[in-house]
Amino acid sequence: MDTKTFFTAYWHLCEKKAPNTWSFHRDFDSPEQMNDTIIGKVNRYVGENDTLYVLGDVATSLEAEQWLQQIKCKNLVLVMGEKDQPMEMFEMLSKYFSPIFHSPTSINNLSEITFVAGHKPSDVKERLNTLNIEQRFTNELFFGLHGHIHRAKSCGSNRDMLNVGCDLWDYVPLSFERIMHLHCAVTKFWDGEIFNS
């Protein structure tokens, strides 16, 4: 059985700003409708034996556990964001995510590219810079995946990052195959007018 790897970020389950505020543009009638949509799309696209990386800000309330319990995927990996840090939130998330990373992590078993997955683009950029310095004499390629910035398809100043946040991709987790397609688009064809609008 072939398994796949997926990436997503900043679900903000139970976010009280939903349905909409100036800083949080999600067109739902209620937080519950938003939660149902996000978890429904996870279950539709991500298989039970696949791996799903969530790059921070899973939930804003412990009430989110009732939705986390509905996720069918058994291999949930979390790279923490600021919403995941309070001790009671971390303890709840620990029931569903393993491993949990407190800072950006390198993923180098998916292709010849080393991916750096983190929540904030600034932290991912810092890690990318460190890797490039440490391994500047090799031919390895590096690309960052992040969340944190709602509604902005950030590519980084060197076309080396992509925002995998759920509200950018119709709440559908991005498969590794789609990440590779987007990696090609960003690194070879990106321009600021298209990708940062």
Foldseek 3Di string as FASTA:
>chain_A
DDAFEWEAEALAQPPQCPPHDPQDPHNDPGSVRSLCQLQVQQQVPHDQAYAYEYAENNHQDPVCLVSLVPRNHQHYAYEYDPSCPDPVSVVSVVVRYPPYHPAWDWDCPPDLEIETEHADPVRSVVVVVVVCVVPVVDPGHYAYEYAPRPPFQDCPPQSRYGYRYCVNPVSHIGIPVNVVVVSCCSNPPDDCVPHGD
